[in-house]
Amino acid sequence: MPSPPLLTPYFPEYAEVTEHALRALLAGDVSAIRGGSTPYLAAGEEWPRCTNCAHELVPYIQINVSSEQTPAAFRAHVLPPPGTGGTTLLQLFVCAEETDSGYCFEAWTMQQVEGNGESWLLRTVRVVDTAGVGEPESVPAHDAVRAKLLEAEELLPERVISTWTAGRQETLDQESYWDYPEGFYEQHEPAEGLKLLGYPTLGKFYTSARDTEACNMGDDGPHNDWRCLIQLGTREEDNPFYTTGNIFVNQCERHPNVFDAVCAGTW
């Protein structure tokens, strides 16, 4: 069996100033916002909800795919929504409602939630008019959701990611491939924490939110050509959204609009 190809991961560089974060994000001055309480929502749009438990979702990360502060290698994999012009955001919302199996998003990823709903929202949105955009106008319904999530301590602290820095190249986790030359794996072991691309850290167990681990789009039949698009960093000790396993977002290489939430680890 040939050795897995080496991949380059990208790690966040956090900005110290977070004032007017959404304005900076939409302008492309920064790459991303992690957490916070001000997701971009279109005029008249309701706050996203979990389709499993109906609880309001919390913004986990918003990435400006049009910004040069976001790595070109990552931008090349994210298809913009229909239309022309403007700024493309990749937004991830997750359900932080507590269940007997952890957060609803975590439980859903580990197939511990009954029903056919989804405990996340991963989408691309096009923001056409970003000139002079400031912080979002006060919408009573949105303000009520923020107050509810804040009181429940479900919102993640807002952190602005100014850009991403390429890390050392990584290889596939040794849980999935063992035949490495001596010393090779230690030099290219997948890193933990929030990152774009690269390889995810794994464990003895692996679960997927999809009914099947394969992508069934297209005429080629089921296939397992996945790339790790974002490792969410849910195992970082200072992450309030701490999970049992390492959760990451997979993207089908053949069908870039097909995603999967995956949890891996030893439990």
C-alpha atoms as a PDB file:
ATOM      1  CA  MET A   1       0.000   0.000   0.000  1.00  0.00           C
ATOM      2  CA  PRO A   2       1.484   3.403  -0.986  1.00  0.00           C
ATOM      3  CA  SER A   3       2.112   5.929   1.762  1.00  0.00           C
ATOM      4  CA  PRO A   4      -0.566   8.627   2.168  1.00  0.00           C
ATOM      5  CA  PRO A   5       0.364  11.984   0.589  1.00  0.00           C
ATOM      6  CA  LEU A   6       1.630  14.711   2.880  1.00  0.00           C
ATOM      7  CA  LEU A   7      -0.838  17.559   3.389  1.00  0.00           C
ATOM      8  CA  THR A   8      -0.322  21.106   4.654  1.00  0.00           C
ATOM      9  CA  PRO A   9      -2.556  22.272   7.535  1.00  0.00           C
ATOM     10  CA  TYR A  10      -3.261  25.912   8.396  1.00  0.00           C
ATOM     11  CA  PHE A  11      -3.492  27.192  11.958  1.00  0.00           C
ATOM     12  CA  PRO A  12      -5.253  30.337  13.241  1.00  0.00           C
ATOM     13  CA  GLU A  13      -3.508  33.577  14.051  1.00  0.00           C
ATOM     14  CA  TYR A  14      -5.757  35.393  16.510  1.00  0.00           C
ATOM     15  CA  ALA A  15      -6.197  39.158  16.508  1.00  0.00           C
ATOM     16  CA  GLU A  16      -6.016  41.069  19.780  1.00  0.00           C
ATOM     17  CA  VAL A  17      -8.725  43.602  18.865  1.00  0.00           C
ATOM     18  CA  THR A  18     -12.241  42.289  18.334  1.00  0.00           C
ATOM     19  CA  GLU A  19     -14.194  45.558  18.022  1.00  0.00           C
ATOM     20  CA  HIS A  20     -16.523  45.581  15.004  1.00  0.00           C
ATOM     21  CA  ALA A  21     -15.531  41.992  14.206  1.00  0.00           C
ATOM     22  CA  LEU A  22     -18.363  41.320  11.758  1.00  0.00           C
ATOM     23  CA  ARG A  23     -17.554  44.493   9.846  1.00  0.00           C
ATOM     24  CA  ALA A  24     -13.913  43.439   9.553  1.00  0.00           C
ATOM     25  CA  LEU A  25     -14.944  39.940   8.482  1.00  0.00           C
ATOM     26  CA  LEU A  26     -17.272  41.105   5.719  1.00  0.00           C
ATOM     27  CA  ALA A  27     -14.685  43.613   4.506  1.00  0.00           C
ATOM     28  CA  GLY A  28     -12.119  40.842   4.224  1.00  0.00           C
ATOM     29  CA  ASP A  29      -9.739  42.533   6.658  1.00  0.00           C
ATOM     30  CA  VAL A  30      -9.737  39.356   8.762  1.00  0.00           C
ATOM     31  CA  SER A  31     -10.281  35.735   7.788  1.00  0.00           C
ATOM     32  CA  ALA A  32     -12.705  34.403  10.363  1.00  0.00           C
ATOM     33  CA  ILE A  33     -14.668  34.789  13.579  1.00  0.00           C
ATOM     34  CA  ARG A  34     -14.785  31.880  15.994  1.00  0.00           C
ATOM     35  CA  GLY A  35     -17.758  31.904  18.330  1.00  0.00           C
ATOM     36  CA  GLY A  36     -19.396  35.145  19.351  1.00  0.00           C
ATOM     37  CA  SER A  37     -23.028  36.222  19.225  1.00  0.00           C
ATOM     38  CA  THR A  38     -23.214  38.111  15.918  1.00  0.00           C
ATOM     39  CA  PRO A  39     -23.445  35.714  13.006  1.00  0.00           C
ATOM     40  CA  TYR A  40     -24.223  37.242   9.656  1.00  0.00           C
ATOM     41  CA  LEU A  41     -27.939  36.777   8.995  1.00  0.00           C
ATOM     42  CA  ALA A  42     -29.727  38.138   5.944  1.00  0.00           C
ATOM     43  CA  ALA A  43     -32.435  40.743   6.374  1.00  0.00           C
ATOM     44  CA  GLY A  44     -35.577  39.076   7.684  1.00  0.00           C
ATOM     45  CA  GLU A  45     -33.832  35.761   8.330  1.00  0.00           C
ATOM     46  CA  GLU A  46     -34.755  33.862  11.462  1.00  0.00           C
ATOM     47  CA  TRP A  47     -32.062  32.622  13.828  1.00  0.00           C
ATOM     48  CA  PRO A  48     -31.084  29.066  12.747  1.00  0.00           C
ATOM     49  CA  ARG A  49     -32.462  26.195  14.804  1.00  0.00           C
ATOM     50  CA  CYS A  50     -31.532  22.565  15.347  1.00  0.00           C
ATOM     51  CA  THR A  51     -33.840  20.346  13.303  1.00  0.00           C
ATOM     52  CA  ASN A  52     -33.487  17.596  15.909  1.00  0.00           C
ATOM     53  CA  CYS A  53     -34.421  19.384  19.134  1.00  0.00           C
ATOM     54  CA  ALA A  54     -35.566  22.798  17.791  1.00  0.00           C
ATOM     55  CA  HIS A  55     -33.060  24.603  20.045  1.00  0.00           C
ATOM     56  CA  GLU A  56     -31.355  27.684  18.653  1.00  0.00           C
ATOM     57  CA  LEU A  57     -27.942  26.974  17.122  1.00  0.00           C
ATOM     58  CA  VAL A  58     -24.826  28.839  18.178  1.00  0.00           C
ATOM     59  CA  PRO A  59     -22.299  30.268  15.704  1.00  0.00           C
ATOM     60  CA  TYR A  60     -19.118  28.189  15.851  1.00  0.00           C
ATOM     61  CA  ILE A  61     -17.044  29.687  13.048  1.00  0.00           C
ATOM     62  CA  GLN A  62     -17.553  32.057  10.120  1.00  0.00           C
ATOM     63  CA  ILE A  63     -14.856  32.145   7.430  1.00  0.00           C
ATOM     64  CA  ASN A  64     -14.575  34.727   4.659  1.00  0.00           C
ATOM     65  CA  VAL A  65     -13.851  32.561   1.629  1.00  0.00           C
ATOM     66  CA  SER A  66     -13.334  35.658  -0.545  1.00  0.00           C
ATOM     67  CA  SER A  67     -10.639  37.166   1.674  1.00  0.00           C
ATOM     68  CA  GLU A  68      -6.962  36.876   0.842  1.00  0.00           C
ATOM     69  CA  GLN A  69      -6.453  36.422   4.596  1.00  0.00           C
ATOM     70  CA  THR A  70      -7.920  32.924   4.126  1.00  0.00           C
ATOM     71  CA  PRO A  71      -5.505  30.363   2.615  1.00  0.00           C
ATOM     72  CA  ALA A  72      -5.908  29.968  -1.146  1.00  0.00           C
ATOM     73  CA  ALA A  73      -5.747  26.184  -0.787  1.00  0.00           C
ATOM     74  CA  PHE A  74      -8.830  26.277   1.451  1.00  0.00           C
ATOM     75  CA  ARG A  75     -10.678  28.803  -0.700  1.00  0.00           C
ATOM     76  CA  ALA A  76     -10.213  26.592  -3.750  1.00  0.00           C
ATOM     77  CA  HIS A  77     -12.254  23.827  -2.129  1.00  0.00           C
ATOM     78  CA  VAL A  78     -15.299  25.913  -1.104  1.00  0.00           C
ATOM     79  CA  LEU A  79     -17.793  26.584  -3.887  1.00  0.00           C
ATOM     80  CA  PRO A  80     -19.526  29.979  -3.727  1.00  0.00           C
ATOM     81  CA  PRO A  81     -23.332  30.049  -3.745  1.00  0.00           C
ATOM     82  CA  PRO A  82     -25.172  31.008  -6.953  1.00  0.00           C
ATOM     83  CA  GLY A  83     -24.863  34.598  -8.084  1.00  0.00           C
ATOM     84  CA  THR A  84     -22.058  37.002  -8.770  1.00  0.00           C
ATOM     85  CA  GLY A  85     -20.071  39.563  -6.827  1.00  0.00           C
ATOM     86  CA  GLY A  86     -19.957  40.246  -3.142  1.00  0.00           C
ATOM     87  CA  THR A  87     -18.356  38.248  -0.376  1.00  0.00           C
ATOM     88  CA  THR A  88     -18.760  34.523   0.297  1.00  0.00           C
ATOM     89  CA  LEU A  89     -18.934  33.335   3.897  1.00  0.00           C
ATOM     90  CA  LEU A  90     -18.720  29.753   5.083  1.00  0.00           C
ATOM     91  CA  GLN A  91     -20.756  29.554   8.285  1.00  0.00           C
ATOM     92  CA  LEU A  92     -20.957  26.709  10.784  1.00  0.00           C
ATOM     93  CA  PHE A  93     -23.644  26.723  13.469  1.00  0.00           C
ATOM     94  CA  VAL A  94     -23.942  23.882  16.017  1.00  0.00           C
ATOM     95  CA  CYS A  95     -26.430  22.867  18.686  1.00  0.00           C
ATOM     96  CA  ALA A  96     -25.045  23.330  22.200  1.00  0.00           C
ATOM     97  CA  GLU A  97     -28.125  22.021  24.006  1.00  0.00           C
ATOM     98  CA  GLU A  98     -27.139  19.504  26.682  1.00  0.00           C
ATOM     99  CA  THR A  99     -28.271  15.895  26.258  1.00  0.00           C
ATOM    100  CA  ASP A 100     -27.549  12.641  28.108  1.00  0.00           C
ATOM    101  CA  SER A 101     -24.785  12.038  25.526  1.00  0.00           C
ATOM    102  CA  GLY A 102     -23.163  15.476  25.631  1.00  0.00           C
ATOM    103  CA  TYR A 103     -23.976  18.453  23.463  1.00  0.00           C
ATOM    104  CA  CYS A 104     -26.709  17.807  20.919  1.00  0.00           C
ATOM    105  CA  PHE A 105     -24.249  18.377  18.050  1.00  0.00           C
ATOM    106  CA  GLU A 106     -21.780  15.935  19.579  1.00  0.00           C
ATOM    107  CA  ALA A 107     -24.488  13.340  20.246  1.00  0.00           C
ATOM    108  CA  TRP A 108     -25.821  13.691  16.690  1.00  0.00           C
ATOM    109  CA  THR A 109     -22.342  13.294  15.231  1.00  0.00           C
ATOM    110  CA  MET A 110     -21.925  10.123  17.295  1.00  0.00           C
ATOM    111  CA  GLN A 111     -25.352   8.841  16.132  1.00  0.00           C
ATOM    112  CA  GLN A 112     -26.829   9.072  19.625  1.00  0.00           C
ATOM    113  CA  VAL A 113     -29.798  11.229  18.546  1.00  0.00           C
ATOM    114  CA  GLU A 114     -33.030   9.772  17.231  1.00  0.00           C
ATOM    115  CA  GLY A 115     -34.783  11.339  14.261  1.00  0.00           C
ATOM    116  CA  ASN A 116     -33.802  12.536  10.820  1.00  0.00           C
ATOM    117  CA  GLY A 117     -32.895  16.114  11.707  1.00  0.00           C
ATOM    118  CA  GLU A 118     -29.470  17.702  11.810  1.00  0.00           C
ATOM    119  CA  SER A 119     -27.795  19.370  14.780  1.00  0.00           C
ATOM    120  CA  TRP A 120     -25.701  21.735  12.690  1.00  0.00           C
ATOM    121  CA  LEU A 121     -25.983  24.186   9.834  1.00  0.00           C
ATOM    122  CA  LEU A 122     -23.028  24.377   7.466  1.00  0.00           C
ATOM    123  CA  ARG A 123     -23.611  26.731   4.577  1.00  0.00           C
ATOM    124  CA  THR A 124     -22.134  29.277   2.221  1.00  0.00           C
ATOM    125  CA  VAL A 125     -23.839  32.662   1.911  1.00  0.00           C
ATOM    126  CA  ARG A 126     -23.198  35.502  -0.494  1.00  0.00           C
ATOM    127  CA  VAL A 127     -23.168  39.019   0.954  1.00  0.00           C
ATOM    128  CA  VAL A 128     -23.501  41.342  -2.029  1.00  0.00           C
ATOM    129  CA  ASP A 129     -23.493  44.770  -0.407  1.00  0.00           C
ATOM    130  CA  THR A 130     -20.661  44.940   2.133  1.00  0.00           C
ATOM    131  CA  ALA A 131     -19.781  48.607   1.666  1.00  0.00           C
ATOM    132  CA  GLY A 132     -20.117  50.441   4.940  1.00  0.00           C
ATOM    133  CA  VAL A 133     -21.425  47.390   6.760  1.00  0.00           C
ATOM    134  CA  GLY A 134     -21.256  47.835  10.504  1.00  0.00           C
ATOM    135  CA  GLU A 135     -22.425  45.701  13.366  1.00  0.00           C
ATOM    136  CA  PRO A 136     -25.861  44.123  12.777  1.00  0.00           C
ATOM    137  CA  GLU A 137     -28.890  46.256  13.493  1.00  0.00           C
ATOM    138  CA  SER A 138     -30.829  45.314  16.571  1.00  0.00           C
ATOM    139  CA  VAL A 139     -33.538  42.788  15.719  1.00  0.00           C
ATOM    140  CA  PRO A 140     -35.742  42.040  18.736  1.00  0.00           C
ATOM    141  CA  ALA A 141     -36.096  38.351  17.879  1.00  0.00           C
ATOM    142  CA  HIS A 142     -32.326  37.964  17.462  1.00  0.00           C
ATOM    143  CA  ASP A 143     -31.653  39.926  20.656  1.00  0.00           C
ATOM    144  CA  ALA A 144     -33.940  37.556  22.551  1.00  0.00           C
ATOM    145  CA  VAL A 145     -32.057  34.539  21.205  1.00  0.00           C
ATOM    146  CA  ARG A 146     -28.693  36.066  22.162  1.00  0.00           C
ATOM    147  CA  ALA A 147     -29.960  36.753  25.679  1.00  0.00           C
ATOM    148  CA  LYS A 148     -31.254  33.183  25.987  1.00  0.00           C
ATOM    149  CA  LEU A 149     -27.999  31.611  24.750  1.00  0.00           C
ATOM    150  CA  LEU A 150     -25.944  33.926  26.931  1.00  0.00           C
ATOM    151  CA  GLU A 151     -27.962  33.074  30.033  1.00  0.00           C
ATOM    152  CA  ALA A 152     -27.557  29.363  29.250  1.00  0.00           C
ATOM    153  CA  GLU A 153     -23.798  29.926  28.814  1.00  0.00           C
ATOM    154  CA  GLU A 154     -23.910  28.248  25.418  1.00  0.00           C
ATOM    155  CA  LEU A 155     -22.200  30.958  23.360  1.00  0.00           C
ATOM    156  CA  LEU A 156     -18.490  30.566  22.688  1.00  0.00           C
ATOM    157  CA  PRO A 157     -16.301  33.580  23.479  1.00  0.00           C
ATOM    158  CA  GLU A 158     -15.681  35.585  20.333  1.00  0.00           C
ATOM    159  CA  ARG A 159     -12.181  35.281  18.869  1.00  0.00           C
ATOM    160  CA  VAL A 160     -11.152  36.966  15.643  1.00  0.00           C
ATOM    161  CA  ILE A 161      -8.794  35.078  13.347  1.00  0.00           C
ATOM    162  CA  SER A 162      -6.770  37.580  11.362  1.00  0.00           C
ATOM    163  CA  THR A 163      -5.180  34.965   9.114  1.00  0.00           C
ATOM    164  CA  TRP A 164      -3.896  31.369   9.048  1.00  0.00           C
ATOM    165  CA  THR A 165      -0.312  30.120   9.084  1.00  0.00           C
ATOM    166  CA  ALA A 166       0.848  26.995   7.266  1.00  0.00           C
ATOM    167  CA  GLY A 167       2.147  24.292   9.599  1.00  0.00           C
ATOM    168  CA  ARG A 168       4.465  21.376   9.007  1.00  0.00           C
ATOM    169  CA  GLN A 169       3.144  18.813   6.573  1.00  0.00           C
ATOM    170  CA  GLU A 170       1.066  16.007   8.034  1.00  0.00           C
ATOM    171  CA  THR A 171       0.425  12.382   7.210  1.00  0.00           C
ATOM    172  CA  LEU A 172      -2.519  10.124   7.928  1.00  0.00           C
ATOM    173  CA  ASP A 173      -3.067   9.251  11.583  1.00  0.00           C
ATOM    174  CA  GLN A 174      -1.336   6.016  12.570  1.00  0.00           C
ATOM    175  CA  GLU A 175      -4.690   4.598  13.659  1.00  0.00           C
ATOM    176  CA  SER A 176      -5.472   4.273   9.938  1.00  0.00           C
ATOM    177  CA  TYR A 177      -2.004   3.546   8.520  1.00  0.00           C
ATOM    178  CA  TRP A 178       0.856   1.775  10.246  1.00  0.00           C
ATOM    179  CA  ASP A 179       3.568   1.111   7.650  1.00  0.00           C
ATOM    180  CA  TYR A 180       5.664   4.263   8.164  1.00  0.00           C
ATOM    181  CA  PRO A 181       9.468   4.333   8.045  1.00  0.00           C
ATOM    182  CA  GLU A 182      11.131   4.751  11.418  1.00  0.00           C
ATOM    183  CA  GLY A 183      10.936   8.351  12.635  1.00  0.00           C
ATOM    184  CA  PHE A 184       8.665   9.484   9.784  1.00  0.00           C
ATOM    185  CA  TYR A 185       5.425   9.590  11.745  1.00  0.00           C
ATOM    186  CA  GLU A 186       6.931  11.625  14.579  1.00  0.00           C
ATOM    187  CA  GLN A 187       7.874  14.307  12.020  1.00  0.00           C
ATOM    188  CA  HIS A 188       4.455  14.393  10.344  1.00  0.00           C
ATOM    189  CA  GLU A 189       1.949  13.392  13.015  1.00  0.00           C
ATOM    190  CA  PRO A 190      -1.387  15.250  12.619  1.00  0.00           C
ATOM    191  CA  ALA A 191      -1.684  18.196  14.980  1.00  0.00           C
ATOM    192  CA  GLU A 192      -4.558  18.718  17.374  1.00  0.00           C
ATOM    193  CA  GLY A 193      -6.651  21.870  17.666  1.00  0.00           C
ATOM    194  CA  LEU A 194      -8.478  24.127  15.236  1.00  0.00           C
ATOM    195  CA  LYS A 195      -7.040  23.963  11.724  1.00  0.00           C
ATOM    196  CA  LEU A 196      -7.948  24.043   8.060  1.00  0.00           C
ATOM    197  CA  LEU A 197      -7.112  21.075   5.814  1.00  0.00           C
ATOM    198  CA  GLY A 198      -4.333  18.675   6.820  1.00  0.00           C
ATOM    199  CA  TYR A 199      -5.253  15.363   8.452  1.00  0.00           C
ATOM    200  CA  PRO A 200      -7.499  14.996  11.512  1.00  0.00           C
ATOM    201  CA  THR A 201      -6.323  13.326  14.682  1.00  0.00           C
ATOM    202  CA  LEU A 202      -8.082   9.989  15.068  1.00  0.00           C
ATOM    203  CA  GLY A 203      -8.436   7.242  17.667  1.00  0.00           C
ATOM    204  CA  LYS A 204      -9.598   3.678  17.969  1.00  0.00           C
ATOM    205  CA  PHE A 205     -13.204   4.662  17.208  1.00  0.00           C
ATOM    206  CA  TYR A 206     -14.799   6.677  14.437  1.00  0.00           C
ATOM    207  CA  THR A 207     -18.414   7.792  14.003  1.00  0.00           C
ATOM    208  CA  SER A 208     -20.142   9.855  11.363  1.00  0.00           C
ATOM    209  CA  ALA A 209     -23.385  11.816  11.386  1.00  0.00           C
ATOM    210  CA  ARG A 210     -24.293  10.333   8.002  1.00  0.00           C
ATOM    211  CA  ASP A 211     -26.300   7.098   7.850  1.00  0.00           C
ATOM    212  CA  THR A 212     -23.387   5.713   5.843  1.00  0.00           C
ATOM    213  CA  GLU A 213     -19.798   6.889   5.815  1.00  0.00           C
ATOM    214  CA  ALA A 214     -19.872   6.944   2.004  1.00  0.00           C
ATOM    215  CA  CYS A 215     -21.016   9.772  -0.259  1.00  0.00           C
ATOM    216  CA  ASN A 216     -23.796   8.557  -2.543  1.00  0.00           C
ATOM    217  CA  MET A 217     -23.969  11.533  -4.907  1.00  0.00           C
ATOM    218  CA  GLY A 218     -23.425  11.081  -8.628  1.00  0.00           C
ATOM    219  CA  ASP A 219     -23.583   8.024 -10.841  1.00  0.00           C
ATOM    220  CA  ASP A 220     -20.418   6.337  -9.564  1.00  0.00           C
ATOM    221  CA  GLY A 221     -22.055   4.659  -6.605  1.00  0.00           C
ATOM    222  CA  PRO A 222     -20.955   5.013  -2.965  1.00  0.00           C
ATOM    223  CA  HIS A 223     -17.445   6.397  -2.542  1.00  0.00           C
ATOM    224  CA  ASN A 224     -15.239   7.463   0.364  1.00  0.00           C
ATOM    225  CA  ASP A 225     -13.147  10.223  -1.166  1.00  0.00           C
ATOM    226  CA  TRP A 226     -13.188  12.632   1.769  1.00  0.00           C
ATOM    227  CA  ARG A 227     -10.882  15.459   2.761  1.00  0.00           C
ATOM    228  CA  CYS A 228     -10.741  17.050   6.204  1.00  0.00           C
ATOM    229  CA  LEU A 229     -11.893  20.599   5.532  1.00  0.00           C
ATOM    230  CA  ILE A 230     -11.921  21.921   9.108  1.00  0.00           C
ATOM    231  CA  GLN A 231     -10.824  20.318  12.373  1.00  0.00           C
ATOM    232  CA  LEU A 232     -12.955  22.152  14.926  1.00  0.00           C
ATOM    233  CA  GLY A 233     -10.625  22.046  17.904  1.00  0.00           C
ATOM    234  CA  THR A 234     -13.304  20.695  20.228  1.00  0.00           C
ATOM    235  CA  ARG A 235     -10.665  18.824  22.246  1.00  0.00           C
ATOM    236  CA  GLU A 236      -8.778  21.989  23.225  1.00  0.00           C
ATOM    237  CA  GLU A 237      -8.825  22.320  27.001  1.00  0.00           C
ATOM    238  CA  ASP A 238      -9.815  25.992  26.881  1.00  0.00           C
ATOM    239  CA  ASN A 239     -12.699  25.377  24.463  1.00  0.00           C
ATOM    240  CA  PRO A 240     -16.036  25.723  26.306  1.00  0.00           C
ATOM    241  CA  PHE A 241     -17.505  23.411  23.657  1.00  0.00           C
ATOM    242  CA  TYR A 242     -15.334  20.503  24.783  1.00  0.00           C
ATOM    243  CA  THR A 243     -16.292  17.097  23.375  1.00  0.00           C
ATOM    244  CA  THR A 244     -15.502  13.442  24.065  1.00  0.00           C
ATOM    245  CA  GLY A 245     -13.938  12.929  20.656  1.00  0.00           C
ATOM    246  CA  ASN A 246     -12.221  15.057  18.051  1.00  0.00           C
ATOM    247  CA  ILE A 247     -14.877  16.508  15.739  1.00  0.00           C
ATOM    248  CA  PHE A 248     -14.015  17.585  12.219  1.00  0.00           C
ATOM    249  CA  VAL A 249     -15.815  18.467   8.990  1.00  0.00           C
ATOM    250  CA  ASN A 250     -15.237  16.196   6.018  1.00  0.00           C
ATOM    251  CA  GLN A 251     -15.888  17.310   2.446  1.00  0.00           C
ATOM    252  CA  CYS A 252     -16.401  14.979  -0.497  1.00  0.00           C
ATOM    253  CA  GLU A 253     -13.599  15.507  -2.995  1.00  0.00           C
ATOM    254  CA  ARG A 254     -15.864  14.617  -5.911  1.00  0.00           C
ATOM    255  CA  HIS A 255     -18.881  16.602  -4.720  1.00  0.00           C
ATOM    256  CA  PRO A 256     -17.660  19.713  -2.839  1.00  0.00           C
ATOM    257  CA  ASN A 257     -21.155  20.593  -1.616  1.00  0.00           C
ATOM    258  CA  VAL A 258     -21.409  17.327   0.348  1.00  0.00           C
ATOM    259  CA  PHE A 259     -20.157  17.521   3.939  1.00  0.00           C
ATOM    260  CA  ASP A 260     -20.081  15.226   6.933  1.00  0.00           C
ATOM    261  CA  ALA A 261     -19.536  15.777  10.642  1.00  0.00           C
ATOM    262  CA  VAL A 262     -17.174  13.171  12.072  1.00  0.00           C
ATOM    263  CA  CYS A 263     -16.126  12.337  15.618  1.00  0.00           C
ATOM    264  CA  ALA A 264     -13.033  10.253  16.284  1.00  0.00           C
ATOM    265  CA  GLY A 265     -11.215   9.245  19.424  1.00  0.00           C
ATOM    266  CA  THR A 266     -10.786   6.673  22.147  1.00  0.00           C
ATOM    267  CA  TRP A 267     -13.648   6.445  24.638  1.00  0.00           C
END
